[in-house]
Amino acid sequence: MRIAVDAMGGDHAPREIVRGAVDAVRRLDGITRILLVGIEDAVRAELAELGTIPSMIEVVHASEVVDMDEKPVEALRRKKDSSIARAIDLVKKGEADAVVSAGNTGAVMVSATLRLRKLDAVERPAIATVMPTQNRPFVLLDAGANTDCTAKFLTQFGVMGHVYSKLILGQENPVVGLLSIGGEEVKGNDVTRESFKLLTDSGLNFRGNVEGHDLFEGETDVVVCDGFVGNVVLKTAESASVAIGHWLKKEFKKNPIRILGAMLLSGALRTMKQRMDPENYGGAPLLGVNGVCIITHGSSSAKAIYHAIRVAKDSVVGHLNDAIVEEIKALDE
């Protein structure tokens, strides 16, 4: 299995990207080659710092980098030899089985959609984000690819999320919920009400509408919404978790008794932090494109890159895209 990794994407590239890739080839079975795509001198300099490099690592030169704040379409048009474009082209040409990038999310999404094209019968690709709960993680989609959706789009998102939850997260019969403003079928706008009907008839394990307070109870495996709402949910949850961490540290440091209490709770707090750490979940797959594409956070560490490569590998081994096409076609029939 060959995985292309955008070595120049993210706030800590290429250092953290290279380290995550090297860690992956050392620890994950079944990967025959990782193609680090980026400015060759910079990538090789990072590899040199790590000493002996596994033979499965290969450097593919790309002369340009899409910056995190650039407009995706304009950047891809001007920078045809960017690391993002070259990495995705390797998948398009069959020289890699999957691509991983922590670069400009919009650029990765646009490039993957244009170059790899959509899977058969898929209306729109969607970004799927795995989020933690008190019981088990759930998949939120769309998390930002499509701000305006039809009921058919949302229904297909439910199918793709179902497949991902089953094959990658190991849920035998994933519970699917539609994010709305109330539990009743009549709640929401025209699109969500029509989506409710389609999801009810889809054959999925559909529980109906879910609200914001239902998300983290751990009773739903797939939460469906448009990309506008999904992105707001994702960023709100991320900022809330960071704020809570800061508040806890501040309160624990107020006096010696609280410091002692924090020491006694250190094991529980460490477990909680690990469960909430998004880097453990392997990034966000762009579901619905004709190739495995994993988008990771711009601030990804080597640990996040390792897990993104792990999920990319599992997606290829599990024939994720074949299963999505099969389920979508069955839905249409």
C-alpha atoms as a PDB file:
ATOM      1  CA  MET A   1       0.000   0.000   0.000  1.00  0.00           C
ATOM      2  CA  ARG A   2       1.285   3.439  -0.974  1.00  0.00           C
ATOM      3  CA  ILE A   3       0.188   6.608   0.797  1.00  0.00           C
ATOM      4  CA  ALA A   4       0.978  10.118  -0.437  1.00  0.00           C
ATOM      5  CA  VAL A   5       1.531  12.668   2.328  1.00  0.00           C
ATOM      6  CA  ASP A   6       1.582  16.432   1.745  1.00  0.00           C
ATOM      7  CA  ALA A   7       4.818  17.215   3.585  1.00  0.00           C
ATOM      8  CA  MET A   8       4.373  20.993   3.348  1.00  0.00           C
ATOM      9  CA  GLY A   9       0.820  21.269   4.676  1.00  0.00           C
ATOM     10  CA  GLY A  10       0.088  22.654   8.122  1.00  0.00           C
ATOM     11  CA  ASP A  11       1.521  25.052  10.666  1.00  0.00           C
ATOM     12  CA  HIS A  12       4.344  22.689  11.675  1.00  0.00           C
ATOM     13  CA  ALA A  13       5.400  21.410   8.261  1.00  0.00           C
ATOM     14  CA  PRO A  14       7.565  19.780   7.220  1.00  0.00           C
ATOM     15  CA  ARG A  15       8.981  18.800  10.636  1.00  0.00           C
ATOM     16  CA  GLU A  16       5.897  17.238  12.241  1.00  0.00           C
ATOM     17  CA  ILE A  17       4.628  15.789   8.970  1.00  0.00           C
ATOM     18  CA  VAL A  18       7.887  13.980   8.301  1.00  0.00           C
ATOM     19  CA  ARG A  19       8.083  12.634  11.844  1.00  0.00           C
ATOM     20  CA  GLY A  20       4.517  11.367  11.711  1.00  0.00           C
ATOM     21  CA  ALA A  21       5.135   9.646   8.381  1.00  0.00           C
ATOM     22  CA  VAL A  22       8.311   7.934   9.604  1.00  0.00           C
ATOM     23  CA  ASP A  23       6.500   6.817  12.759  1.00  0.00           C
ATOM     24  CA  ALA A  24       3.715   5.347  10.612  1.00  0.00           C
ATOM     25  CA  VAL A  25       5.973   3.195   8.429  1.00  0.00           C
ATOM     26  CA  ARG A  26       7.734   1.906  11.523  1.00  0.00           C
ATOM     27  CA  ARG A  27       4.567   1.010  13.436  1.00  0.00           C
ATOM     28  CA  LEU A  28       1.854   0.177  10.885  1.00  0.00           C
ATOM     29  CA  ASP A  29       1.843  -3.139   9.057  1.00  0.00           C
ATOM     30  CA  GLY A  30       0.898  -3.288   5.399  1.00  0.00           C
ATOM     31  CA  ILE A  31       2.305   0.052   4.250  1.00  0.00           C
ATOM     32  CA  THR A  32       4.850  -0.580   1.491  1.00  0.00           C
ATOM     33  CA  ARG A  33       5.668   3.046   0.755  1.00  0.00           C
ATOM     34  CA  ILE A  34       4.977   6.573   1.989  1.00  0.00           C
ATOM     35  CA  LEU A  35       5.497   9.303  -0.589  1.00  0.00           C
ATOM     36  CA  LEU A  36       6.441  12.576   1.107  1.00  0.00           C
ATOM     37  CA  VAL A  37       5.465  15.320  -1.338  1.00  0.00           C
ATOM     38  CA  GLY A  38       7.065  18.721  -0.936  1.00  0.00           C
ATOM     39  CA  ILE A  39      10.153  20.864  -1.390  1.00  0.00           C
ATOM     40  CA  GLU A  40      12.784  18.160  -1.586  1.00  0.00           C
ATOM     41  CA  ASP A  41      15.644  19.912   0.222  1.00  0.00           C
ATOM     42  CA  ALA A  42      13.419  20.841   3.163  1.00  0.00           C
ATOM     43  CA  VAL A  43      11.952  17.345   3.443  1.00  0.00           C
ATOM     44  CA  ARG A  44      15.334  15.622   3.213  1.00  0.00           C
ATOM     45  CA  ALA A  45      16.763  17.960   5.840  1.00  0.00           C
ATOM     46  CA  GLU A  46      14.066  16.810   8.282  1.00  0.00           C
ATOM     47  CA  LEU A  47      14.665  13.184   7.377  1.00  0.00           C
ATOM     48  CA  ALA A  48      18.407  13.627   7.984  1.00  0.00           C
ATOM     49  CA  GLU A  49      17.714  14.759  11.552  1.00  0.00           C
ATOM     50  CA  LEU A  50      15.960  11.461  12.252  1.00  0.00           C
ATOM     51  CA  GLY A  51      18.994   9.371  11.379  1.00  0.00           C
ATOM     52  CA  THR A  52      18.345   6.018   9.704  1.00  0.00           C
ATOM     53  CA  ILE A  53      15.233   6.281   7.553  1.00  0.00           C
ATOM     54  CA  PRO A  54      13.122   3.260   6.557  1.00  0.00           C
ATOM     55  CA  SER A  55      13.458   2.298   2.899  1.00  0.00           C
ATOM     56  CA  MET A  56       9.681   2.687   2.486  1.00  0.00           C
ATOM     57  CA  ILE A  57      10.007   6.490   2.637  1.00  0.00           C
ATOM     58  CA  GLU A  58      10.262   8.248  -0.744  1.00  0.00           C
ATOM     59  CA  VAL A  59      10.472  11.983  -1.430  1.00  0.00           C
ATOM     60  CA  VAL A  60       8.516  13.444  -4.356  1.00  0.00           C
ATOM     61  CA  HIS A  61       9.528  16.999  -5.200  1.00  0.00           C
ATOM     62  CA  ALA A  62       6.900  19.748  -5.463  1.00  0.00           C
ATOM     63  CA  SER A  63       8.201  23.256  -5.971  1.00  0.00           C
ATOM     64  CA  GLU A  64       5.270  25.235  -4.503  1.00  0.00           C
ATOM     65  CA  VAL A  65       3.258  25.439  -1.288  1.00  0.00           C
ATOM     66  CA  VAL A  66      -0.341  26.608  -0.809  1.00  0.00           C
ATOM     67  CA  ASP A  67      -0.382  28.812   2.282  1.00  0.00           C
ATOM     68  CA  MET A  68      -3.075  28.307   4.908  1.00  0.00           C
ATOM     69  CA  ASP A  69      -4.646  31.734   4.317  1.00  0.00           C
ATOM     70  CA  GLU A  70      -4.768  31.602   0.512  1.00  0.00           C
ATOM     71  CA  LYS A  71      -8.029  31.374  -1.421  1.00  0.00           C
ATOM     72  CA  PRO A  72      -8.205  27.728  -2.561  1.00  0.00           C
ATOM     73  CA  VAL A  73      -9.257  28.100  -6.193  1.00  0.00           C
ATOM     74  CA  GLU A  74      -6.903  30.997  -6.925  1.00  0.00           C
ATOM     75  CA  ALA A  75      -3.980  29.274  -5.196  1.00  0.00           C
ATOM     76  CA  LEU A  76      -4.460  26.010  -7.084  1.00  0.00           C
ATOM     77  CA  ARG A  77      -4.764  27.876 -10.366  1.00  0.00           C
ATOM     78  CA  ARG A  78      -1.505  29.776  -9.769  1.00  0.00           C
ATOM     79  CA  LYS A  79       0.436  27.010  -8.038  1.00  0.00           C
ATOM     80  CA  LYS A  80       0.053  24.021 -10.307  1.00  0.00           C
ATOM     81  CA  ASP A  81       3.106  22.320  -8.783  1.00  0.00           C
ATOM     82  CA  SER A  82       1.964  22.685  -5.186  1.00  0.00           C
ATOM     83  CA  SER A  83       2.467  19.847  -2.728  1.00  0.00           C
ATOM     84  CA  ILE A  84      -1.312  19.465  -2.374  1.00  0.00           C
ATOM     85  CA  ALA A  85      -1.879  19.119  -6.112  1.00  0.00           C
ATOM     86  CA  ARG A  86       1.061  16.769  -6.621  1.00  0.00           C
ATOM     87  CA  ALA A  87       0.028  14.508  -3.725  1.00  0.00           C
ATOM     88  CA  ILE A  88      -3.539  14.209  -4.996  1.00  0.00           C
ATOM     89  CA  ASP A  89      -2.284  13.626  -8.547  1.00  0.00           C
ATOM     90  CA  LEU A  90      -0.384  10.575  -7.287  1.00  0.00           C
ATOM     91  CA  VAL A  91      -3.719   9.066  -6.249  1.00  0.00           C
ATOM     92  CA  LYS A  92      -5.351  10.072  -9.532  1.00  0.00           C
ATOM     93  CA  LYS A  93      -2.584   8.371 -11.521  1.00  0.00           C
ATOM     94  CA  GLY A  94      -2.729   5.217  -9.419  1.00  0.00           C
ATOM     95  CA  GLU A  95       0.742   5.784  -7.969  1.00  0.00           C
ATOM     96  CA  ALA A  96      -0.695   6.088  -4.446  1.00  0.00           C
ATOM     97  CA  ASP A  97      -3.708   4.493  -2.778  1.00  0.00           C
ATOM     98  CA  ALA A  98      -4.530   7.404  -0.468  1.00  0.00           C
ATOM     99  CA  VAL A  99      -3.532  10.966   0.330  1.00  0.00           C
ATOM    100  CA  VAL A 100      -3.103  12.744   3.678  1.00  0.00           C
ATOM    101  CA  SER A 101      -2.776  16.516   4.093  1.00  0.00           C
ATOM    102  CA  ALA A 102      -2.768  19.015   6.961  1.00  0.00           C
ATOM    103  CA  GLY A 103      -2.714  21.870   4.481  1.00  0.00           C
ATOM    104  CA  ASN A 104      -5.285  24.448   3.410  1.00  0.00           C
ATOM    105  CA  THR A 105      -8.571  22.553   3.882  1.00  0.00           C
ATOM    106  CA  GLY A 106     -10.360  24.343   1.067  1.00  0.00           C
ATOM    107  CA  ALA A 107      -7.512  23.694  -1.348  1.00  0.00           C
ATOM    108  CA  VAL A 108      -7.371  19.996  -0.460  1.00  0.00           C
ATOM    109  CA  MET A 109     -11.131  19.684  -0.852  1.00  0.00           C
ATOM    110  CA  VAL A 110     -11.270  21.538  -4.183  1.00  0.00           C
ATOM    111  CA  SER A 111      -8.246  19.736  -5.617  1.00  0.00           C
ATOM    112  CA  ALA A 112      -9.513  16.299  -4.567  1.00  0.00           C
ATOM    113  CA  THR A 113     -13.006  16.955  -5.944  1.00  0.00           C
ATOM    114  CA  LEU A 114     -11.726  18.281  -9.283  1.00  0.00           C
ATOM    115  CA  ARG A 115      -8.898  15.805  -9.813  1.00  0.00           C
ATOM    116  CA  LEU A 116     -10.298  12.622  -8.333  1.00  0.00           C
ATOM    117  CA  ARG A 117     -13.948  13.309  -9.230  1.00  0.00           C
ATOM    118  CA  LYS A 118     -16.955  11.978  -7.361  1.00  0.00           C
ATOM    119  CA  LEU A 119     -17.775   8.349  -6.786  1.00  0.00           C
ATOM    120  CA  ASP A 120     -20.556   6.885  -8.901  1.00  0.00           C
ATOM    121  CA  ALA A 121     -24.018   7.980  -7.724  1.00  0.00           C
ATOM    122  CA  VAL A 122     -22.618  10.378  -5.082  1.00  0.00           C
ATOM    123  CA  GLU A 123     -24.134  13.853  -5.413  1.00  0.00           C
ATOM    124  CA  ARG A 124     -21.670  15.779  -3.234  1.00  0.00           C
ATOM    125  CA  PRO A 125     -18.554  14.790  -1.262  1.00  0.00           C
ATOM    126  CA  ALA A 126     -18.665  15.614   2.440  1.00  0.00           C
ATOM    127  CA  ILE A 127     -16.111  16.165   5.183  1.00  0.00           C
ATOM    128  CA  ALA A 128     -16.651  13.706   8.038  1.00  0.00           C
ATOM    129  CA  THR A 129     -15.273  14.627  11.452  1.00  0.00           C
ATOM    130  CA  VAL A 130     -15.021  12.152  14.330  1.00  0.00           C
ATOM    131  CA  MET A 131     -15.956  13.672  17.697  1.00  0.00           C
ATOM    132  CA  PRO A 132     -15.726  12.140  21.194  1.00  0.00           C
ATOM    133  CA  THR A 133     -18.600  11.444  23.594  1.00  0.00           C
ATOM    134  CA  GLN A 134     -18.886   9.860  27.028  1.00  0.00           C
ATOM    135  CA  ASN A 135     -19.568   6.446  25.430  1.00  0.00           C
ATOM    136  CA  ARG A 136     -18.176   6.261  21.896  1.00  0.00           C
ATOM    137  CA  PRO A 137     -17.133   8.701  19.157  1.00  0.00           C
ATOM    138  CA  PHE A 138     -19.618   9.857  16.545  1.00  0.00           C
ATOM    139  CA  VAL A 139     -19.203  11.009  12.949  1.00  0.00           C
ATOM    140  CA  LEU A 140     -20.401  14.526  12.096  1.00  0.00           C
ATOM    141  CA  LEU A 141     -20.981  15.278   8.423  1.00  0.00           C
ATOM    142  CA  ASP A 142     -20.895  17.516   6.585  1.00  0.00           C
ATOM    143  CA  ALA A 143     -18.305  19.520   8.534  1.00  0.00           C
ATOM    144  CA  GLY A 144     -17.697  22.233   5.967  1.00  0.00           C
ATOM    145  CA  ALA A 145     -17.683  21.093   2.340  1.00  0.00           C
ATOM    146  CA  ASN A 146     -21.253  22.065   1.399  1.00  0.00           C
ATOM    147  CA  THR A 147     -22.934  25.076   2.965  1.00  0.00           C
ATOM    148  CA  ASP A 148     -26.167  24.626   0.992  1.00  0.00           C
ATOM    149  CA  CYS A 149     -27.640  21.141   0.754  1.00  0.00           C
ATOM    150  CA  THR A 150     -30.686  19.382  -0.606  1.00  0.00           C
ATOM    151  CA  ALA A 151     -32.516  16.611   1.206  1.00  0.00           C
ATOM    152  CA  LYS A 152     -30.918  14.083  -1.134  1.00  0.00           C
ATOM    153  CA  PHE A 153     -27.431  15.351  -0.233  1.00  0.00           C
ATOM    154  CA  LEU A 154     -28.161  14.975   3.479  1.00  0.00           C
ATOM    155  CA  THR A 155     -29.558  11.488   2.989  1.00  0.00           C
ATOM    156  CA  GLN A 156     -26.428  10.424   1.130  1.00  0.00           C
ATOM    157  CA  PHE A 157     -24.317  11.959   3.913  1.00  0.00           C
ATOM    158  CA  GLY A 158     -26.186   9.655   6.292  1.00  0.00           C
ATOM    159  CA  VAL A 159     -25.301   6.652   4.135  1.00  0.00           C
ATOM    160  CA  MET A 160     -21.619   7.627   3.839  1.00  0.00           C
ATOM    161  CA  GLY A 161     -21.403   8.283   7.575  1.00  0.00           C
ATOM    162  CA  HIS A 162     -23.028   4.914   8.252  1.00  0.00           C
ATOM    163  CA  VAL A 163     -20.413   3.146   6.110  1.00  0.00           C
ATOM    164  CA  TYR A 164     -17.521   5.026   7.745  1.00  0.00           C
ATOM    165  CA  SER A 165     -18.785   4.370  11.270  1.00  0.00           C
ATOM    166  CA  LYS A 166     -19.236   0.682  10.496  1.00  0.00           C
ATOM    167  CA  LEU A 167     -15.964  -0.005   8.668  1.00  0.00           C
ATOM    168  CA  ILE A 168     -13.544   2.374  10.394  1.00  0.00           C
ATOM    169  CA  LEU A 169     -15.005   2.940  13.867  1.00  0.00           C
ATOM    170  CA  GLY A 170     -16.326  -0.602  14.262  1.00  0.00           C
ATOM    171  CA  GLN A 171     -20.002   0.144  15.001  1.00  0.00           C
ATOM    172  CA  GLU A 172     -22.013  -2.886  13.926  1.00  0.00           C
ATOM    173  CA  ASN A 173     -25.277  -1.046  13.217  1.00  0.00           C
ATOM    174  CA  PRO A 174     -24.593   2.702  13.478  1.00  0.00           C
ATOM    175  CA  VAL A 175     -27.364   4.921  14.804  1.00  0.00           C
ATOM    176  CA  VAL A 176     -27.978   7.870  12.473  1.00  0.00           C
ATOM    177  CA  GLY A 177     -29.479  11.184  13.590  1.00  0.00           C
ATOM    178  CA  LEU A 178     -30.468  14.349  11.717  1.00  0.00           C
ATOM    179  CA  LEU A 179     -29.363  17.563  13.441  1.00  0.00           C
ATOM    180  CA  SER A 180     -32.328  19.893  13.872  1.00  0.00           C
ATOM    181  CA  ILE A 181     -33.947  22.310  16.309  1.00  0.00           C
ATOM    182  CA  GLY A 182     -36.326  19.790  17.830  1.00  0.00           C
ATOM    183  CA  GLY A 183     -36.967  16.091  18.116  1.00  0.00           C
ATOM    184  CA  GLU A 184     -40.296  16.111  16.318  1.00  0.00           C
ATOM    185  CA  GLU A 185     -40.523  15.330  12.609  1.00  0.00           C
ATOM    186  CA  VAL A 186     -42.137  18.702  11.857  1.00  0.00           C
ATOM    187  CA  LYS A 187     -39.276  20.705  13.387  1.00  0.00           C
ATOM    188  CA  GLY A 188     -36.626  22.377  11.229  1.00  0.00           C
ATOM    189  CA  ASN A 189     -36.663  23.951   7.789  1.00  0.00           C
ATOM    190  CA  ASP A 190     -37.986  22.535   4.507  1.00  0.00           C
ATOM    191  CA  VAL A 191     -34.733  20.683   3.785  1.00  0.00           C
ATOM    192  CA  THR A 192     -34.486  18.974   7.176  1.00  0.00           C
ATOM    193  CA  ARG A 193     -38.169  17.991   7.126  1.00  0.00           C
ATOM    194  CA  GLU A 194     -37.766  16.402   3.687  1.00  0.00           C
ATOM    195  CA  SER A 195     -34.501  14.781   4.802  1.00  0.00           C
ATOM    196  CA  PHE A 196     -36.329  13.259   7.766  1.00  0.00           C
ATOM    197  CA  LYS A 197     -38.705  11.475   5.384  1.00  0.00           C
ATOM    198  CA  LEU A 198     -35.927  10.231   3.114  1.00  0.00           C
ATOM    199  CA  LEU A 199     -33.774   9.017   6.009  1.00  0.00           C
ATOM    200  CA  THR A 200     -36.777   7.252   7.533  1.00  0.00           C
ATOM    201  CA  ASP A 201     -37.217   5.294   4.295  1.00  0.00           C
ATOM    202  CA  SER A 202     -33.490   4.762   3.702  1.00  0.00           C
ATOM    203  CA  GLY A 203     -33.066   1.482   5.561  1.00  0.00           C
ATOM    204  CA  LEU A 204     -30.526   3.086   7.899  1.00  0.00           C
ATOM    205  CA  ASN A 205     -30.813   2.758  11.666  1.00  0.00           C
ATOM    206  CA  PHE A 206     -32.339   6.242  11.808  1.00  0.00           C
ATOM    207  CA  ARG A 207     -33.336   7.552  15.249  1.00  0.00           C
ATOM    208  CA  GLY A 208     -34.885  10.775  13.938  1.00  0.00           C
ATOM    209  CA  ASN A 209     -33.938  14.329  14.777  1.00  0.00           C
ATOM    210  CA  VAL A 210     -31.227  15.100  17.310  1.00  0.00           C
ATOM    211  CA  GLU A 211     -30.563  18.444  18.970  1.00  0.00           C
ATOM    212  CA  GLY A 212     -27.383  20.078  20.150  1.00  0.00           C
ATOM    213  CA  HIS A 213     -27.728  18.672  23.668  1.00  0.00           C
ATOM    214  CA  ASP A 214     -27.951  15.126  22.243  1.00  0.00           C
ATOM    215  CA  LEU A 215     -24.608  15.184  20.459  1.00  0.00           C
ATOM    216  CA  PHE A 216     -22.289  14.240  23.305  1.00  0.00           C
ATOM    217  CA  GLU A 217     -24.536  11.774  25.125  1.00  0.00           C
ATOM    218  CA  GLY A 218     -23.030   8.919  23.114  1.00  0.00           C
ATOM    219  CA  GLU A 219     -26.289   7.468  21.782  1.00  0.00           C
ATOM    220  CA  THR A 220     -25.829   8.492  18.129  1.00  0.00           C
ATOM    221  CA  ASP A 221     -23.045   7.259  15.838  1.00  0.00           C
ATOM    222  CA  VAL A 222     -23.656   9.485  12.796  1.00  0.00           C
ATOM    223  CA  VAL A 223     -24.968  13.057  12.913  1.00  0.00           C
ATOM    224  CA  VAL A 224     -26.083  14.551   9.586  1.00  0.00           C
ATOM    225  CA  CYS A 225     -26.246  18.273   8.791  1.00  0.00           C
ATOM    226  CA  ASP A 226     -25.197  20.759   6.115  1.00  0.00           C
ATOM    227  CA  GLY A 227     -21.624  22.034   6.037  1.00  0.00           C
ATOM    228  CA  PHE A 228     -22.492  25.458   7.450  1.00  0.00           C
ATOM    229  CA  VAL A 229     -24.070  24.048  10.603  1.00  0.00           C
ATOM    230  CA  GLY A 230     -21.506  21.264  10.878  1.00  0.00           C
ATOM    231  CA  ASN A 231     -18.562  23.616  10.758  1.00  0.00           C
ATOM    232  CA  VAL A 232     -20.113  25.838  13.432  1.00  0.00           C
ATOM    233  CA  VAL A 233     -20.706  22.799  15.665  1.00  0.00           C
ATOM    234  CA  LEU A 234     -17.143  21.567  15.153  1.00  0.00           C
ATOM    235  CA  LYS A 235     -15.428  24.870  15.896  1.00  0.00           C
ATOM    236  CA  THR A 236     -17.693  25.635  18.836  1.00  0.00           C
ATOM    237  CA  ALA A 237     -16.899  22.235  20.379  1.00  0.00           C
ATOM    238  CA  GLU A 238     -13.162  22.716  19.795  1.00  0.00           C
ATOM    239  CA  SER A 239     -13.134  26.167  21.386  1.00  0.00           C
ATOM    240  CA  ALA A 240     -15.268  25.004  24.319  1.00  0.00           C
ATOM    241  CA  SER A 241     -12.884  22.123  25.098  1.00  0.00           C
ATOM    242  CA  VAL A 242      -9.897  24.480  25.028  1.00  0.00           C
ATOM    243  CA  ALA A 243     -11.694  27.002  27.277  1.00  0.00           C
ATOM    244  CA  ILE A 244     -12.648  24.307  29.799  1.00  0.00           C
ATOM    245  CA  GLY A 245      -9.026  23.164  29.931  1.00  0.00           C
ATOM    246  CA  HIS A 246      -7.857  26.709  30.676  1.00  0.00           C
ATOM    247  CA  TRP A 247     -10.550  27.191  33.328  1.00  0.00           C
ATOM    248  CA  LEU A 248      -9.629  23.965  35.098  1.00  0.00           C
ATOM    249  CA  LYS A 249      -5.932  24.875  35.202  1.00  0.00           C
ATOM    250  CA  LYS A 250      -6.732  28.325  36.570  1.00  0.00           C
ATOM    251  CA  GLU A 251      -9.045  26.982  39.285  1.00  0.00           C
ATOM    252  CA  PHE A 252      -6.688  24.187  40.324  1.00  0.00           C
ATOM    253  CA  LYS A 253      -3.847  26.658  40.846  1.00  0.00           C
ATOM    254  CA  LYS A 254      -5.777  28.981  43.177  1.00  0.00           C
ATOM    255  CA  ASN A 255      -4.614  27.364  46.427  1.00  0.00           C
ATOM    256  CA  PRO A 256      -2.534  24.410  47.740  1.00  0.00           C
ATOM    257  CA  ILE A 257      -5.579  22.272  48.545  1.00  0.00           C
ATOM    258  CA  ARG A 258      -6.817  22.491  44.962  1.00  0.00           C
ATOM    259  CA  ILE A 259      -3.321  21.716  43.667  1.00  0.00           C
ATOM    260  CA  LEU A 260      -3.316  18.567  45.841  1.00  0.00           C
ATOM    261  CA  GLY A 261      -6.765  17.685  44.505  1.00  0.00           C
ATOM    262  CA  ALA A 262      -5.506  18.080  40.946  1.00  0.00           C
ATOM    263  CA  MET A 263      -2.634  15.715  41.713  1.00  0.00           C
ATOM    264  CA  LEU A 264      -5.071  13.104  43.055  1.00  0.00           C
ATOM    265  CA  LEU A 265      -7.225  13.528  39.943  1.00  0.00           C
ATOM    266  CA  SER A 266      -4.318  13.470  37.513  1.00  0.00           C
ATOM    267  CA  GLY A 267      -5.090   9.990  36.177  1.00  0.00           C
ATOM    268  CA  ALA A 268      -8.735  10.792  35.481  1.00  0.00           C
ATOM    269  CA  LEU A 269      -7.843  14.147  33.940  1.00  0.00           C
ATOM    270  CA  ARG A 270      -5.237  12.520  31.699  1.00  0.00           C
ATOM    271  CA  THR A 271      -7.744   9.919  30.499  1.00  0.00           C
ATOM    272  CA  MET A 272     -10.313  12.641  29.838  1.00  0.00           C
ATOM    273  CA  LYS A 273      -7.799  14.705  27.890  1.00  0.00           C
ATOM    274  CA  GLN A 274      -6.831  11.715  25.777  1.00  0.00           C
ATOM    275  CA  ARG A 275     -10.465  10.939  24.984  1.00  0.00           C
ATOM    276  CA  MET A 276     -11.077  14.537  23.912  1.00  0.00           C
ATOM    277  CA  ASP A 277      -7.887  14.798  21.862  1.00  0.00           C
ATOM    278  CA  PRO A 278      -8.930  15.065  18.172  1.00  0.00           C
ATOM    279  CA  GLU A 279      -5.467  13.930  17.075  1.00  0.00           C
ATOM    280  CA  ASN A 280      -6.314  10.373  18.136  1.00  0.00           C
ATOM    281  CA  TYR A 281      -9.123  10.088  15.593  1.00  0.00           C
ATOM    282  CA  GLY A 282      -7.099  10.395  12.408  1.00  0.00           C
ATOM    283  CA  GLY A 283      -8.328  13.569  10.781  1.00  0.00           C
ATOM    284  CA  ALA A 284     -11.397  14.128   8.642  1.00  0.00           C
ATOM    285  CA  PRO A 285     -11.968  11.986   5.548  1.00  0.00           C
ATOM    286  CA  LEU A 286     -13.423  13.641   2.474  1.00  0.00           C
ATOM    287  CA  LEU A 287     -16.079  11.030   1.738  1.00  0.00           C
ATOM    288  CA  GLY A 288     -17.525  10.640  -1.742  1.00  0.00           C
ATOM    289  CA  VAL A 289     -14.448  11.293  -3.895  1.00  0.00           C
ATOM    290  CA  ASN A 290     -12.899   8.605  -6.067  1.00  0.00           C
ATOM    291  CA  GLY A 291      -9.935   7.999  -3.800  1.00  0.00           C
ATOM    292  CA  VAL A 292      -9.117   8.006  -0.095  1.00  0.00           C
ATOM    293  CA  CYS A 293      -8.421  11.564   1.074  1.00  0.00           C
ATOM    294  CA  ILE A 294      -7.774  12.420   4.739  1.00  0.00           C
ATOM    295  CA  ILE A 295      -7.675  16.080   5.812  1.00  0.00           C
ATOM    296  CA  THR A 296      -6.037  16.810   9.162  1.00  0.00           C
ATOM    297  CA  HIS A 297      -6.011  19.948  11.295  1.00  0.00           C
ATOM    298  CA  GLY A 298      -3.612  22.718  10.321  1.00  0.00           C
ATOM    299  CA  SER A 299      -1.892  22.512  13.706  1.00  0.00           C
ATOM    300  CA  SER A 300      -1.372  18.741  13.417  1.00  0.00           C
ATOM    301  CA  SER A 301       1.527  17.194  15.322  1.00  0.00           C
ATOM    302  CA  ALA A 302       3.433  14.058  14.331  1.00  0.00           C
ATOM    303  CA  LYS A 303       0.914  12.088  16.395  1.00  0.00           C
ATOM    304  CA  ALA A 304      -1.993  13.445  14.349  1.00  0.00           C
ATOM    305  CA  ILE A 305      -0.235  12.616  11.080  1.00  0.00           C
ATOM    306  CA  TYR A 306       0.466   9.085  12.284  1.00  0.00           C
ATOM    307  CA  HIS A 307      -3.216   8.528  13.081  1.00  0.00           C
ATOM    308  CA  ALA A 308      -4.316  10.107   9.782  1.00  0.00           C
ATOM    309  CA  ILE A 309      -2.097   7.657   7.913  1.00  0.00           C
ATOM    310  CA  ARG A 310      -3.530   4.842  10.034  1.00  0.00           C
ATOM    311  CA  VAL A 311      -7.087   5.806   9.063  1.00  0.00           C
ATOM    312  CA  ALA A 312      -6.062   6.163   5.404  1.00  0.00           C
ATOM    313  CA  LYS A 313      -4.645   2.646   5.511  1.00  0.00           C
ATOM    314  CA  ASP A 314      -7.758   1.243   7.218  1.00  0.00           C
ATOM    315  CA  SER A 315      -9.971   2.948   4.612  1.00  0.00           C
ATOM    316  CA  VAL A 316      -8.078   1.337   1.742  1.00  0.00           C
ATOM    317  CA  VAL A 317      -7.950  -2.091   3.388  1.00  0.00           C
ATOM    318  CA  GLY A 318     -11.659  -1.910   4.247  1.00  0.00           C
ATOM    319  CA  HIS A 319     -12.616  -0.933   0.670  1.00  0.00           C
ATOM    320  CA  LEU A 320     -14.441   2.090   2.071  1.00  0.00           C
ATOM    321  CA  ASN A 321     -15.275   3.648  -1.303  1.00  0.00           C
ATOM    322  CA  ASP A 322     -16.601   0.394  -2.762  1.00  0.00           C
ATOM    323  CA  ALA A 323     -18.945   0.080   0.212  1.00  0.00           C
ATOM    324  CA  ILE A 324     -20.127   3.694  -0.172  1.00  0.00           C
ATOM    325  CA  VAL A 325     -20.948   3.176  -3.862  1.00  0.00           C
ATOM    326  CA  GLU A 326     -22.788  -0.066  -3.100  1.00  0.00           C
ATOM    327  CA  GLU A 327     -24.878   1.535  -0.336  1.00  0.00           C
ATOM    328  CA  ILE A 328     -25.677   4.682  -2.337  1.00  0.00           C
ATOM    329  CA  LYS A 329     -26.818   2.657  -5.323  1.00  0.00           C
ATOM    330  CA  ALA A 330     -28.957   0.483  -3.081  1.00  0.00           C
ATOM    331  CA  LEU A 331     -30.525   3.649  -1.650  1.00  0.00           C
ATOM    332  CA  ASP A 332     -31.339   4.946  -5.139  1.00  0.00           C
ATOM    333  CA  GLU A 333     -32.898   1.629  -6.119  1.00  0.00           C
END
